[in-house]
Amino acid sequence: MSHQYETCEGTLEGLYLPCLAWEVLRREDIQTIDQLRAIAGQLERFVGIGSKTAQAIRLELDRIAAPGEQTSGEGQLSAWAA
């Protein structure tokens, strides 16, 4: 699997996001998965998050969702799957 960006684990356990995404989430005081899910549809509004990063975040949220809770239609694919 190839990654377009270097990913890292941040403050929300189980999520692997581009390091820049973690900086934005920290700046915006997003501290829980529920908070991140609540703003998932508005990620592009945050300075520093473009459409590719927003899509990566949404796919990671889907990846960690319980079966039947996926929202993007991508199933269990990683945000960085080719």
C-alpha atoms as a PDB file:
ATOM      1  CA  MET A   1       0.000   0.000   0.000  1.00  0.00           C
ATOM      2  CA  SER A   2       1.399   3.410  -0.910  1.00  0.00           C
ATOM      3  CA  HIS A   3       0.728   6.578   1.001  1.00  0.00           C
ATOM      4  CA  GLN A   4       0.450   9.957  -0.626  1.00  0.00           C
ATOM      5  CA  TYR A   5       1.337  11.564   2.689  1.00  0.00           C
ATOM      6  CA  GLU A   6       3.159  10.374   5.753  1.00  0.00           C
ATOM      7  CA  THR A   7       0.590   9.306   8.327  1.00  0.00           C
ATOM      8  CA  CYS A   8       0.949   9.210  12.046  1.00  0.00           C
ATOM      9  CA  GLU A   9      -1.097   8.251  15.054  1.00  0.00           C
ATOM     10  CA  GLY A  10      -2.373  11.205  16.992  1.00  0.00           C
ATOM     11  CA  THR A  11      -4.472  11.921  20.016  1.00  0.00           C
ATOM     12  CA  LEU A  12      -7.545  10.002  18.811  1.00  0.00           C
ATOM     13  CA  GLU A  13      -6.694   6.355  19.355  1.00  0.00           C
ATOM     14  CA  GLY A  14      -6.828   4.157  16.292  1.00  0.00           C
ATOM     15  CA  LEU A  15      -6.811   6.927  13.691  1.00  0.00           C
ATOM     16  CA  TYR A  16      -3.874   7.309  11.326  1.00  0.00           C
ATOM     17  CA  LEU A  17      -4.001  10.657   9.552  1.00  0.00           C
ATOM     18  CA  PRO A  18      -1.622  12.949   7.715  1.00  0.00           C
ATOM     19  CA  CYS A  19       0.469  14.755  10.321  1.00  0.00           C
ATOM     20  CA  LEU A  20      -0.896  18.098   9.097  1.00  0.00           C
ATOM     21  CA  ALA A  21      -4.441  16.907   9.874  1.00  0.00           C
ATOM     22  CA  TRP A  22      -3.465  16.297  13.499  1.00  0.00           C
ATOM     23  CA  GLU A  23      -2.103  19.835  13.730  1.00  0.00           C
ATOM     24  CA  VAL A  24      -5.405  21.262  12.464  1.00  0.00           C
ATOM     25  CA  LEU A  25      -7.484  19.068  14.795  1.00  0.00           C
ATOM     26  CA  ARG A  26      -5.342  20.119  17.744  1.00  0.00           C
ATOM     27  CA  ARG A  27      -5.677  23.796  16.775  1.00  0.00           C
ATOM     28  CA  GLU A  28      -9.470  23.418  16.485  1.00  0.00           C
ATOM     29  CA  ASP A  29      -9.638  21.584  19.845  1.00  0.00           C
ATOM     30  CA  ILE A  30     -11.114  18.392  18.363  1.00  0.00           C
ATOM     31  CA  GLN A  31     -10.386  15.892  21.129  1.00  0.00           C
ATOM     32  CA  THR A  32     -12.813  12.996  20.582  1.00  0.00           C
ATOM     33  CA  ILE A  33     -13.972  10.760  17.756  1.00  0.00           C
ATOM     34  CA  ASP A  34     -17.528  12.025  18.338  1.00  0.00           C
ATOM     35  CA  GLN A  35     -16.384  15.631  17.901  1.00  0.00           C
ATOM     36  CA  LEU A  36     -14.568  14.690  14.703  1.00  0.00           C
ATOM     37  CA  ARG A  37     -17.604  12.814  13.361  1.00  0.00           C
ATOM     38  CA  ALA A  38     -19.789  15.838  14.122  1.00  0.00           C
ATOM     39  CA  ILE A  39     -17.672  18.083  11.875  1.00  0.00           C
ATOM     40  CA  ALA A  40     -16.736  15.473   9.241  1.00  0.00           C
ATOM     41  CA  GLY A  41     -18.981  17.077   6.620  1.00  0.00           C
ATOM     42  CA  GLN A  42     -17.350  20.479   7.112  1.00  0.00           C
ATOM     43  CA  LEU A  43     -13.652  19.570   7.201  1.00  0.00           C
ATOM     44  CA  GLU A  44     -12.749  21.601   4.117  1.00  0.00           C
ATOM     45  CA  ARG A  45     -13.777  24.776   5.964  1.00  0.00           C
ATOM     46  CA  PHE A  46     -10.779  24.459   8.290  1.00  0.00           C
ATOM     47  CA  VAL A  47      -7.636  26.262   7.196  1.00  0.00           C
ATOM     48  CA  GLY A  48      -5.073  23.600   6.342  1.00  0.00           C
ATOM     49  CA  ILE A  49      -7.496  20.844   5.317  1.00  0.00           C
ATOM     50  CA  GLY A  50      -8.059  20.393   1.614  1.00  0.00           C
ATOM     51  CA  SER A  51     -10.298  17.939  -0.168  1.00  0.00           C
ATOM     52  CA  LYS A  52      -7.752  15.072  -0.164  1.00  0.00           C
ATOM     53  CA  THR A  53      -7.024  15.419   3.545  1.00  0.00           C
ATOM     54  CA  ALA A  54     -10.744  15.681   4.322  1.00  0.00           C
ATOM     55  CA  GLN A  55     -11.389  12.514   2.326  1.00  0.00           C
ATOM     56  CA  ALA A  56      -8.569  10.715   4.172  1.00  0.00           C
ATOM     57  CA  ILE A  57     -10.092  11.725   7.526  1.00  0.00           C
ATOM     58  CA  ARG A  58     -13.556  10.541   6.478  1.00  0.00           C
ATOM     59  CA  LEU A  59     -12.211   7.217   5.260  1.00  0.00           C
ATOM     60  CA  GLU A  60     -10.337   6.698   8.526  1.00  0.00           C
ATOM     61  CA  LEU A  61     -13.529   7.445  10.458  1.00  0.00           C
ATOM     62  CA  ASP A  62     -15.293   4.827   8.343  1.00  0.00           C
ATOM     63  CA  ARG A  63     -12.462   2.348   8.868  1.00  0.00           C
ATOM     64  CA  ILE A  64     -12.814   2.493  12.648  1.00  0.00           C
ATOM     65  CA  ALA A  65     -16.623   2.565  12.640  1.00  0.00           C
ATOM     66  CA  ALA A  66     -18.471  -0.466  13.880  1.00  0.00           C
ATOM     67  CA  PRO A  67     -19.798  -2.714  11.070  1.00  0.00           C
ATOM     68  CA  GLY A  68     -22.920  -1.176   9.582  1.00  0.00           C
ATOM     69  CA  GLU A  69     -21.955   2.368  10.583  1.00  0.00           C
ATOM     70  CA  GLN A  70     -19.785   3.281   7.576  1.00  0.00           C
ATOM     71  CA  THR A  71     -20.856   6.545   5.984  1.00  0.00           C
ATOM     72  CA  SER A  72     -18.719   7.011   2.876  1.00  0.00           C
ATOM     73  CA  GLY A  73     -19.647   3.762   1.180  1.00  0.00           C
ATOM     74  CA  GLU A  74     -16.003   2.685   1.118  1.00  0.00           C
ATOM     75  CA  GLY A  75     -16.432  -0.120   3.646  1.00  0.00           C
ATOM     76  CA  GLN A  76     -13.333  -1.202   5.513  1.00  0.00           C
ATOM     77  CA  LEU A  77     -10.777   0.254   3.081  1.00  0.00           C
ATOM     78  CA  SER A  78      -7.916   2.244   4.512  1.00  0.00           C
ATOM     79  CA  ALA A  79      -7.792   5.937   3.711  1.00  0.00           C
ATOM     80  CA  TRP A  80      -4.609   5.243   1.756  1.00  0.00           C
ATOM     81  CA  ALA A  81      -5.614   2.120  -0.168  1.00  0.00           C
ATOM     82  CA  ALA A  82      -4.580   2.146  -3.809  1.00  0.00           C
END
